[in-house]
mmCIF file of all heavy atoms, coordinates in Angstrom:
data_MODEL
# 
_entry.id   MODEL 
# 
loop_
_atom_site.group_PDB 
_atom_site.id 
_atom_site.type_symbol 
_atom_site.label_atom_id 
_atom_site.label_alt_id 
_atom_site.label_comp_id 
_atom_site.label_asym_id 
_atom_site.label_entity_id 
_atom_site.label_seq_id 
_atom_site.pdbx_PDB_ins_code 
_atom_site.Cartn_x 
_atom_site.Cartn_y 
_atom_site.Cartn_z 
_atom_site.occupancy 
_atom_site.B_iso_or_equiv 
_atom_site.pdbx_formal_charge 
_atom_site.auth_seq_id 
_atom_site.auth_comp_id 
_atom_site.auth_asym_id 
_atom_site.auth_atom_id 
_atom_site.pdbx_PDB_model_num 
ATOM 1   N N   . GLY A 1 1  ? -5.765  -48.393  -5.366 1.00 0.00 ? 1  GLY A N   1 
ATOM 2   C CA  . GLY A 1 1  ? -6.289  -48.535  -4.055 1.00 0.00 ? 1  GLY A CA  1 
ATOM 3   C C   . GLY A 1 1  ? -5.945  -49.835  -3.386 1.00 0.00 ? 1  GLY A C   1 
ATOM 4   O O   . GLY A 1 1  ? -4.866  -50.425  -3.711 1.00 0.00 ? 1  GLY A O   1 
ATOM 5   N N   . MET A 1 2  ? -6.648  -50.347  -2.512 1.00 0.00 ? 2  MET A N   1 
ATOM 6   C CA  . MET A 1 2  ? -6.344  -51.556  -1.669 1.00 0.00 ? 2  MET A CA  1 
ATOM 7   C C   . MET A 1 2  ? -7.275  -52.594  -2.022 1.00 0.00 ? 2  MET A C   1 
ATOM 8   O O   . MET A 1 2  ? -8.394  -52.402  -2.089 1.00 0.00 ? 2  MET A O   1 
ATOM 9   C CB  . MET A 1 2  ? -6.404  -51.254  -0.118 1.00 0.00 ? 2  MET A CB  1 
ATOM 10  C CG  . MET A 1 2  ? -5.864  -52.366  0.718  1.00 0.00 ? 2  MET A CG  1 
ATOM 11  S SD  . MET A 1 2  ? -6.128  -52.078  2.484  1.00 0.00 ? 2  MET A SD  1 
ATOM 12  C CE  . MET A 1 2  ? -7.847  -52.554  2.733  1.00 0.00 ? 2  MET A CE  1 
ATOM 13  N N   . GLU A 1 3  ? -6.761  -53.888  -2.129 1.00 0.00 ? 3  GLU A N   1 
ATOM 14  C CA  . GLU A 1 3  ? -7.552  -55.153  -2.355 1.00 0.00 ? 3  GLU A CA  1 
ATOM 15  C C   . GLU A 1 3  ? -6.943  -56.222  -1.471 1.00 0.00 ? 3  GLU A C   1 
ATOM 16  O O   . GLU A 1 3  ? -5.810  -56.327  -1.257 1.00 0.00 ? 3  GLU A O   1 
ATOM 17  C CB  . GLU A 1 3  ? -7.393  -55.385  -3.809 1.00 0.00 ? 3  GLU A CB  1 
ATOM 18  C CG  . GLU A 1 3  ? -8.131  -56.670  -4.318 1.00 0.00 ? 3  GLU A CG  1 
ATOM 19  C CD  . GLU A 1 3  ? -7.980  -56.998  -5.780 1.00 0.00 ? 3  GLU A CD  1 
ATOM 20  O OE1 . GLU A 1 3  ? -7.023  -56.473  -6.316 1.00 0.00 ? 3  GLU A OE1 1 
ATOM 21  O OE2 . GLU A 1 3  ? -8.745  -57.745  -6.300 1.00 0.00 ? 3  GLU A OE2 1 
ATOM 22  N N   . ILE A 1 4  ? -7.891  -57.021  -0.907 1.00 0.00 ? 4  ILE A N   1 
ATOM 23  C CA  . ILE A 1 4  ? -7.526  -58.172  -0.272 1.00 0.00 ? 4  ILE A CA  1 
ATOM 24  C C   . ILE A 1 4  ? -8.005  -59.451  -0.884 1.00 0.00 ? 4  ILE A C   1 
ATOM 25  O O   . ILE A 1 4  ? -9.259  -59.484  -1.251 1.00 0.00 ? 4  ILE A O   1 
ATOM 26  C CB  . ILE A 1 4  ? -8.086  -58.037  1.245  1.00 0.00 ? 4  ILE A CB  1 
ATOM 27  C CG1 . ILE A 1 4  ? -7.441  -56.933  1.994  1.00 0.00 ? 4  ILE A CG1 1 
ATOM 28  C CG2 . ILE A 1 4  ? -7.813  -59.345  1.955  1.00 0.00 ? 4  ILE A CG2 1 
ATOM 29  C CD1 . ILE A 1 4  ? -7.970  -56.683  3.355  1.00 0.00 ? 4  ILE A CD1 1 
ATOM 30  N N   . LYS A 1 5  ? -7.134  -60.481  -1.036 1.00 0.00 ? 5  LYS A N   1 
ATOM 31  C CA  . LYS A 1 5  ? -7.584  -61.644  -1.728 1.00 0.00 ? 5  LYS A CA  1 
ATOM 32  C C   . LYS A 1 5  ? -7.110  -62.906  -0.840 1.00 0.00 ? 5  LYS A C   1 
ATOM 33  O O   . LYS A 1 5  ? -6.218  -62.789  -0.142 1.00 0.00 ? 5  LYS A O   1 
ATOM 34  C CB  . LYS A 1 5  ? -6.784  -61.829  -3.027 1.00 0.00 ? 5  LYS A CB  1 
ATOM 35  C CG  . LYS A 1 5  ? -7.219  -60.742  -4.083 1.00 0.00 ? 5  LYS A CG  1 
ATOM 36  C CD  . LYS A 1 5  ? -6.412  -61.020  -5.314 1.00 0.00 ? 5  LYS A CD  1 
ATOM 37  C CE  . LYS A 1 5  ? -6.640  -60.036  -6.402 1.00 0.00 ? 5  LYS A CE  1 
ATOM 38  N NZ  . LYS A 1 5  ? -5.852  -60.311  -7.664 1.00 0.00 ? 5  LYS A NZ  1 
ATOM 39  N N   . LYS A 1 6  ? -7.987  -63.988  -0.950 1.00 0.00 ? 6  LYS A N   1 
ATOM 40  C CA  . LYS A 1 6  ? -7.647  -65.152  -0.291 1.00 0.00 ? 6  LYS A CA  1 
ATOM 41  C C   . LYS A 1 6  ? -6.868  -66.032  -1.243 1.00 0.00 ? 6  LYS A C   1 
ATOM 42  O O   . LYS A 1 6  ? -7.163  -66.104  -2.376 1.00 0.00 ? 6  LYS A O   1 
ATOM 43  C CB  . LYS A 1 6  ? -8.867  -65.865  0.259  1.00 0.00 ? 6  LYS A CB  1 
ATOM 44  C CG  . LYS A 1 6  ? -9.547  -65.314  1.441  1.00 0.00 ? 6  LYS A CG  1 
ATOM 45  C CD  . LYS A 1 6  ? -10.613 -66.294  2.039  1.00 0.00 ? 6  LYS A CD  1 
ATOM 46  C CE  . LYS A 1 6  ? -10.001 -67.460  2.734  1.00 0.00 ? 6  LYS A CE  1 
ATOM 47  N NZ  . LYS A 1 6  ? -9.213  -67.166  3.875  1.00 0.00 ? 6  LYS A NZ  1 
ATOM 48  N N   . TYR A 1 7  ? -5.815  -66.628  -0.802 1.00 0.00 ? 7  TYR A N   1 
ATOM 49  C CA  . TYR A 1 7  ? -4.957  -67.598  -1.689 1.00 0.00 ? 7  TYR A CA  1 
ATOM 50  C C   . TYR A 1 7  ? -5.173  -69.008  -1.271 1.00 0.00 ? 7  TYR A C   1 
ATOM 51  O O   . TYR A 1 7  ? -4.734  -69.925  -2.097 1.00 0.00 ? 7  TYR A O   1 
ATOM 52  C CB  . TYR A 1 7  ? -3.401  -67.221  -1.686 1.00 0.00 ? 7  TYR A CB  1 
ATOM 53  C CG  . TYR A 1 7  ? -2.762  -67.454  -0.347 1.00 0.00 ? 7  TYR A CG  1 
ATOM 54  C CD1 . TYR A 1 7  ? -2.371  -68.588  0.037  1.00 0.00 ? 7  TYR A CD1 1 
ATOM 55  C CD2 . TYR A 1 7  ? -2.610  -66.391  0.443  1.00 0.00 ? 7  TYR A CD2 1 
ATOM 56  C CE1 . TYR A 1 7  ? -1.688  -68.857  1.230  1.00 0.00 ? 7  TYR A CE1 1 
ATOM 57  C CE2 . TYR A 1 7  ? -1.889  -66.508  1.611  1.00 0.00 ? 7  TYR A CE2 1 
ATOM 58  C CZ  . TYR A 1 7  ? -1.486  -67.798  2.011  1.00 0.00 ? 7  TYR A CZ  1 
ATOM 59  O OH  . TYR A 1 7  ? -0.772  -67.971  3.199  1.00 0.00 ? 7  TYR A OH  1 
ATOM 60  N N   . TRP A 1 8  ? -5.938  -69.286  -0.246 1.00 0.00 ? 8  TRP A N   1 
ATOM 61  C CA  . TRP A 1 8  ? -6.211  -70.685  0.239  1.00 0.00 ? 8  TRP A CA  1 
ATOM 62  C C   . TRP A 1 8  ? -7.315  -70.777  1.206  1.00 0.00 ? 8  TRP A C   1 
ATOM 63  O O   . TRP A 1 8  ? -7.564  -69.754  1.841  1.00 0.00 ? 8  TRP A O   1 
ATOM 64  C CB  . TRP A 1 8  ? -4.837  -71.281  0.753  1.00 0.00 ? 8  TRP A CB  1 
ATOM 65  C CG  . TRP A 1 8  ? -4.962  -72.819  1.262  1.00 0.00 ? 8  TRP A CG  1 
ATOM 66  C CD1 . TRP A 1 8  ? -4.788  -73.864  0.368  1.00 0.00 ? 8  TRP A CD1 1 
ATOM 67  C CD2 . TRP A 1 8  ? -5.274  -73.230  2.602  1.00 0.00 ? 8  TRP A CD2 1 
ATOM 68  N NE1 . TRP A 1 8  ? -4.937  -74.991  1.246  1.00 0.00 ? 8  TRP A NE1 1 
ATOM 69  C CE2 . TRP A 1 8  ? -5.148  -74.562  2.541  1.00 0.00 ? 8  TRP A CE2 1 
ATOM 70  C CE3 . TRP A 1 8  ? -5.453  -72.583  3.829  1.00 0.00 ? 8  TRP A CE3 1 
ATOM 71  C CZ2 . TRP A 1 8  ? -5.427  -75.355  3.618  1.00 0.00 ? 8  TRP A CZ2 1 
ATOM 72  C CZ3 . TRP A 1 8  ? -5.685  -73.362  4.858  1.00 0.00 ? 8  TRP A CZ3 1 
ATOM 73  C CH2 . TRP A 1 8  ? -5.686  -74.772  4.841  1.00 0.00 ? 8  TRP A CH2 1 
ATOM 74  N N   . ASP A 1 9  ? -7.906  -71.881  1.352  1.00 0.00 ? 9  ASP A N   1 
ATOM 75  C CA  . ASP A 1 9  ? -8.981  -72.103  2.399  1.00 0.00 ? 9  ASP A CA  1 
ATOM 76  C C   . ASP A 1 9  ? -8.817  -73.502  2.866  1.00 0.00 ? 9  ASP A C   1 
ATOM 77  O O   . ASP A 1 9  ? -8.450  -74.329  2.160  1.00 0.00 ? 9  ASP A O   1 
ATOM 78  C CB  . ASP A 1 9  ? -10.350 -71.731  1.778  1.00 0.00 ? 9  ASP A CB  1 
ATOM 79  C CG  . ASP A 1 9  ? -11.384 -71.766  2.859  1.00 0.00 ? 9  ASP A CG  1 
ATOM 80  O OD1 . ASP A 1 9  ? -11.473 -70.522  3.598  1.00 0.00 ? 9  ASP A OD1 1 
ATOM 81  O OD2 . ASP A 1 9  ? -12.072 -72.720  3.140  1.00 0.00 ? 9  ASP A OD2 1 
ATOM 82  N N   . VAL A 1 10 ? -9.232  -73.617  4.070  1.00 0.00 ? 10 VAL A N   1 
ATOM 83  C CA  . VAL A 1 10 ? -9.254  -74.928  4.737  1.00 0.00 ? 10 VAL A CA  1 
ATOM 84  C C   . VAL A 1 10 ? -9.964  -75.969  3.952  1.00 0.00 ? 10 VAL A C   1 
ATOM 85  O O   . VAL A 1 10 ? -9.538  -77.110  3.830  1.00 0.00 ? 10 VAL A O   1 
ATOM 86  C CB  . VAL A 1 10 ? -9.963  -74.873  6.221  1.00 0.00 ? 10 VAL A CB  1 
ATOM 87  C CG1 . VAL A 1 10 ? -9.971  -76.199  6.854  1.00 0.00 ? 10 VAL A CG1 1 
ATOM 88  C CG2 . VAL A 1 10 ? -9.125  -73.930  7.098  1.00 0.00 ? 10 VAL A CG2 1 
ATOM 89  N N   . LYS A 1 11 ? -11.026 -75.575  3.219  1.00 0.00 ? 11 LYS A N   1 
ATOM 90  C CA  . LYS A 1 11 ? -11.864 -76.581  2.434  1.00 0.00 ? 11 LYS A CA  1 
ATOM 91  C C   . LYS A 1 11 ? -10.925 -77.079  1.340  1.00 0.00 ? 11 LYS A C   1 
ATOM 92  O O   . LYS A 1 11 ? -11.287 -78.073  0.720  1.00 0.00 ? 11 LYS A O   1 
ATOM 93  C CB  . LYS A 1 11 ? -13.046 -75.732  1.862  1.00 0.00 ? 11 LYS A CB  1 
ATOM 94  C CG  . LYS A 1 11 ? -14.049 -75.289  2.826  1.00 0.00 ? 11 LYS A CG  1 
ATOM 95  C CD  . LYS A 1 11 ? -15.205 -74.653  2.238  1.00 0.00 ? 11 LYS A CD  1 
ATOM 96  C CE  . LYS A 1 11 ? -14.758 -73.259  1.801  1.00 0.00 ? 11 LYS A CE  1 
ATOM 97  N NZ  . LYS A 1 11 ? -15.890 -72.488  1.182  1.00 0.00 ? 11 LYS A NZ  1 
ATOM 98  N N   . GLU A 1 12 ? -9.962  -76.438  0.800  1.00 0.00 ? 12 GLU A N   1 
ATOM 99  C CA  . GLU A 1 12 ? -9.116  -76.841  -0.141 1.00 0.00 ? 12 GLU A CA  1 
ATOM 100 C C   . GLU A 1 12 ? -8.055  -77.917  0.200  1.00 0.00 ? 12 GLU A C   1 
ATOM 101 O O   . GLU A 1 12 ? -7.450  -78.415  -0.709 1.00 0.00 ? 12 GLU A O   1 
ATOM 102 C CB  . GLU A 1 12 ? -8.354  -75.641  -0.709 1.00 0.00 ? 12 GLU A CB  1 
ATOM 103 C CG  . GLU A 1 12 ? -9.307  -74.648  -1.381 1.00 0.00 ? 12 GLU A CG  1 
ATOM 104 C CD  . GLU A 1 12 ? -8.514  -73.346  -1.824 1.00 0.00 ? 12 GLU A CD  1 
ATOM 105 O OE1 . GLU A 1 12 ? -7.346  -73.575  -2.177 1.00 0.00 ? 12 GLU A OE1 1 
ATOM 106 O OE2 . GLU A 1 12 ? -8.998  -72.291  -1.772 1.00 0.00 ? 12 GLU A OE2 1 
ATOM 107 N N   . ALA A 1 13 ? -7.987  -78.248  1.477  1.00 0.00 ? 13 ALA A N   1 
ATOM 108 C CA  . ALA A 1 13 ? -6.980  -79.178  1.969  1.00 0.00 ? 13 ALA A CA  1 
ATOM 109 C C   . ALA A 1 13 ? -7.147  -80.542  1.235  1.00 0.00 ? 13 ALA A C   1 
ATOM 110 O O   . ALA A 1 13 ? -8.234  -81.102  1.282  1.00 0.00 ? 13 ALA A O   1 
ATOM 111 C CB  . ALA A 1 13 ? -7.047  -79.398  3.469  1.00 0.00 ? 13 ALA A CB  1 
ATOM 112 N N   . LYS A 1 14 ? -6.068  -81.010  0.714  1.00 0.00 ? 14 LYS A N   1 
ATOM 113 C CA  . LYS A 1 14 ? -6.101  -82.382  0.147  1.00 0.00 ? 14 LYS A CA  1 
ATOM 114 C C   . LYS A 1 14 ? -5.046  -83.287  0.613  1.00 0.00 ? 14 LYS A C   1 
ATOM 115 O O   . LYS A 1 14 ? -3.939  -82.931  0.388  1.00 0.00 ? 14 LYS A O   1 
ATOM 116 C CB  . LYS A 1 14 ? -6.024  -82.146  -1.405 1.00 0.00 ? 14 LYS A CB  1 
ATOM 117 C CG  . LYS A 1 14 ? -7.274  -81.325  -2.068 1.00 0.00 ? 14 LYS A CG  1 
ATOM 118 C CD  . LYS A 1 14 ? -8.426  -82.167  -2.107 1.00 0.00 ? 14 LYS A CD  1 
ATOM 119 C CE  . LYS A 1 14 ? -9.416  -81.330  -3.017 1.00 0.00 ? 14 LYS A CE  1 
ATOM 120 N NZ  . LYS A 1 14 ? -9.897  -80.106  -2.428 1.00 0.00 ? 14 LYS A NZ  1 
ATOM 121 N N   . GLY A 1 15 ? -5.433  -84.399  1.242  1.00 0.00 ? 15 GLY A N   1 
ATOM 122 C CA  . GLY A 1 15 ? -4.520  -85.326  1.699  1.00 0.00 ? 15 GLY A CA  1 
ATOM 123 C C   . GLY A 1 15 ? -4.298  -86.357  0.651  1.00 0.00 ? 15 GLY A C   1 
ATOM 124 O O   . GLY A 1 15 ? -5.301  -86.884  0.065  1.00 0.00 ? 15 GLY A O   1 
ATOM 125 N N   . GLU A 1 16 ? -2.983  -86.826  0.487  1.00 0.00 ? 16 GLU A N   1 
ATOM 126 C CA  . GLU A 1 16 ? -2.753  -87.685  -0.726 1.00 0.00 ? 16 GLU A CA  1 
ATOM 127 C C   . GLU A 1 16 ? -2.549  -89.009  -0.101 1.00 0.00 ? 16 GLU A C   1 
ATOM 128 O O   . GLU A 1 16 ? -1.904  -89.327  0.883  1.00 0.00 ? 16 GLU A O   1 
ATOM 129 C CB  . GLU A 1 16 ? -1.469  -87.246  -1.440 1.00 0.00 ? 16 GLU A CB  1 
ATOM 130 C CG  . GLU A 1 16 ? -1.684  -85.952  -2.223 1.00 0.00 ? 16 GLU A CG  1 
ATOM 131 C CD  . GLU A 1 16 ? -0.410  -85.453  -2.879 1.00 0.00 ? 16 GLU A CD  1 
ATOM 132 O OE1 . GLU A 1 16 ? 0.635   -86.323  -2.843 1.00 0.00 ? 16 GLU A OE1 1 
ATOM 133 O OE2 . GLU A 1 16 ? -0.244  -84.475  -3.377 1.00 0.00 ? 16 GLU A OE2 1 
ATOM 134 N N   . GLY A 1 17 ? -3.057  -90.012  -0.778 1.00 0.00 ? 17 GLY A N   1 
ATOM 135 C CA  . GLY A 1 17 ? -2.775  -91.452  -0.459 1.00 0.00 ? 17 GLY A CA  1 
ATOM 136 C C   . GLY A 1 17 ? -3.442  -91.988  0.756  1.00 0.00 ? 17 GLY A C   1 
ATOM 137 O O   . GLY A 1 17 ? -3.041  -92.886  1.428  1.00 0.00 ? 17 GLY A O   1 
ATOM 138 N N   . VAL A 1 18 ? -4.661  -91.275  1.265  1.00 0.00 ? 18 VAL A N   1 
ATOM 139 C CA  . VAL A 1 18 ? -5.362  -91.737  2.401  1.00 0.00 ? 18 VAL A CA  1 
ATOM 140 C C   . VAL A 1 18 ? -6.563  -92.529  1.898  1.00 0.00 ? 18 VAL A C   1 
ATOM 141 O O   . VAL A 1 18 ? -7.434  -92.043  1.219  1.00 0.00 ? 18 VAL A O   1 
ATOM 142 C CB  . VAL A 1 18 ? -5.783  -90.499  3.261  1.00 0.00 ? 18 VAL A CB  1 
ATOM 143 C CG1 . VAL A 1 18 ? -6.680  -90.957  4.405  1.00 0.00 ? 18 VAL A CG1 1 
ATOM 144 C CG2 . VAL A 1 18 ? -4.618  -89.716  3.760  1.00 0.00 ? 18 VAL A CG2 1 
ATOM 145 N N   . LYS A 1 19 ? -6.733  -93.675  2.430  1.00 0.00 ? 19 LYS A N   1 
ATOM 146 C CA  . LYS A 1 19 ? -7.921  -94.617  2.174  1.00 0.00 ? 19 LYS A CA  1 
ATOM 147 C C   . LYS A 1 19 ? -8.675  -94.681  3.435  1.00 0.00 ? 19 LYS A C   1 
ATOM 148 O O   . LYS A 1 19 ? -8.203  -95.246  4.383  1.00 0.00 ? 19 LYS A O   1 
ATOM 149 C CB  . LYS A 1 19 ? -7.428  -95.882  1.552  1.00 0.00 ? 19 LYS A CB  1 
ATOM 150 C CG  . LYS A 1 19 ? -6.839  -95.848  0.142  1.00 0.00 ? 19 LYS A CG  1 
ATOM 151 C CD  . LYS A 1 19 ? -6.705  -97.245  -0.360 1.00 0.00 ? 19 LYS A CD  1 
ATOM 152 C CE  . LYS A 1 19 ? -6.110  -97.080  -1.879 1.00 0.00 ? 19 LYS A CE  1 
ATOM 153 N NZ  . LYS A 1 19 ? -5.961  -98.468  -2.387 1.00 0.00 ? 19 LYS A NZ  1 
ATOM 154 N N   . ALA A 1 20 ? -9.956  -94.092  3.408  1.00 0.00 ? 20 ALA A N   1 
ATOM 155 C CA  . ALA A 1 20 ? -10.743 -94.030  4.531  1.00 0.00 ? 20 ALA A CA  1 
ATOM 156 C C   . ALA A 1 20 ? -11.108 -95.368  5.225  1.00 0.00 ? 20 ALA A C   1 
ATOM 157 O O   . ALA A 1 20 ? -11.395 -95.439  6.326  1.00 0.00 ? 20 ALA A O   1 
ATOM 158 C CB  . ALA A 1 20 ? -11.971 -93.268  4.326  1.00 0.00 ? 20 ALA A CB  1 
ATOM 159 N N   . ASP A 1 21 ? -10.986 -96.467  4.464  1.00 0.00 ? 21 ASP A N   1 
ATOM 160 C CA  . ASP A 1 21 ? -11.418 -97.801  4.963  1.00 0.00 ? 21 ASP A CA  1 
ATOM 161 C C   . ASP A 1 21 ? -10.309 -98.699  5.634  1.00 0.00 ? 21 ASP A C   1 
ATOM 162 O O   . ASP A 1 21 ? -10.408 -99.633  6.132  1.00 0.00 ? 21 ASP A O   1 
ATOM 163 C CB  . ASP A 1 21 ? -12.019 -98.616  3.837  1.00 0.00 ? 21 ASP A CB  1 
ATOM 164 C CG  . ASP A 1 21 ? -11.158 -98.838  2.693  1.00 0.00 ? 21 ASP A CG  1 
ATOM 165 O OD1 . ASP A 1 21 ? -10.125 -98.101  2.735  1.00 0.00 ? 21 ASP A OD1 1 
ATOM 166 O OD2 . ASP A 1 21 ? -11.314 -99.726  1.890  1.00 0.00 ? 21 ASP A OD2 1 
ATOM 167 N N   . ASN A 1 22 ? -9.072  -97.940  5.602  1.00 0.00 ? 22 ASN A N   1 
ATOM 168 C CA  . ASN A 1 22 ? -8.014  -98.667  6.275  1.00 0.00 ? 22 ASN A CA  1 
ATOM 169 C C   . ASN A 1 22 ? -7.369  -97.869  7.423  1.00 0.00 ? 22 ASN A C   1 
ATOM 170 O O   . ASN A 1 22 ? -6.458  -97.023  7.168  1.00 0.00 ? 22 ASN A O   1 
ATOM 171 C CB  . ASN A 1 22 ? -6.973  -98.890  5.247  1.00 0.00 ? 22 ASN A CB  1 
ATOM 172 C CG  . ASN A 1 22 ? -5.867  -99.855  5.589  1.00 0.00 ? 22 ASN A CG  1 
ATOM 173 O OD1 . ASN A 1 22 ? -5.418  -99.906  6.729  1.00 0.00 ? 22 ASN A OD1 1 
ATOM 174 N ND2 . ASN A 1 22 ? -5.477  -100.762 4.642  1.00 0.00 ? 22 ASN A ND2 1 
ATOM 175 N N   . GLU A 1 23 ? -7.762  -98.073  8.549  1.00 0.00 ? 23 GLU A N   1 
ATOM 176 C CA  . GLU A 1 23 ? -7.234  -97.313  9.784  1.00 0.00 ? 23 GLU A CA  1 
ATOM 177 C C   . GLU A 1 23 ? -5.712  -97.496  9.929  1.00 0.00 ? 23 GLU A C   1 
ATOM 178 O O   . GLU A 1 23 ? -4.943  -96.651  10.354 1.00 0.00 ? 23 GLU A O   1 
ATOM 179 C CB  . GLU A 1 23 ? -7.963  -97.787  11.086 1.00 0.00 ? 23 GLU A CB  1 
ATOM 180 C CG  . GLU A 1 23 ? -9.367  -97.392  11.113 1.00 0.00 ? 23 GLU A CG  1 
ATOM 181 C CD  . GLU A 1 23 ? -10.098 -97.669  12.351 1.00 0.00 ? 23 GLU A CD  1 
ATOM 182 O OE1 . GLU A 1 23 ? -9.320  -97.913  13.304 1.00 0.00 ? 23 GLU A OE1 1 
ATOM 183 O OE2 . GLU A 1 23 ? -11.273 -97.582  12.361 1.00 0.00 ? 23 GLU A OE2 1 
ATOM 184 N N   . GLU A 1 24 ? -5.157  -98.752  9.696  1.00 0.00 ? 24 GLU A N   1 
ATOM 185 C CA  . GLU A 1 24 ? -3.850  -98.896  9.908  1.00 0.00 ? 24 GLU A CA  1 
ATOM 186 C C   . GLU A 1 24 ? -2.971  -98.063  8.959  1.00 0.00 ? 24 GLU A C   1 
ATOM 187 O O   . GLU A 1 24 ? -1.895  -97.545  9.274  1.00 0.00 ? 24 GLU A O   1 
ATOM 188 C CB  . GLU A 1 24 ? -3.492  -100.477 9.716  1.00 0.00 ? 24 GLU A CB  1 
ATOM 189 C CG  . GLU A 1 24 ? -4.127  -101.359 10.679 1.00 0.00 ? 24 GLU A CG  1 
ATOM 190 C CD  . GLU A 1 24 ? -3.858  -100.992 12.158 1.00 0.00 ? 24 GLU A CD  1 
ATOM 191 O OE1 . GLU A 1 24 ? -2.748  -100.588 12.419 1.00 0.00 ? 24 GLU A OE1 1 
ATOM 192 O OE2 . GLU A 1 24 ? -4.816  -101.143 12.957 1.00 0.00 ? 24 GLU A OE2 1 
# 
């Protein structure tokens, strides 16, 4: 039969090397 799966979601987005306290 037919099956639909999600392979990613927006909630899974991961940015590397971002420190929230340093705007520059």
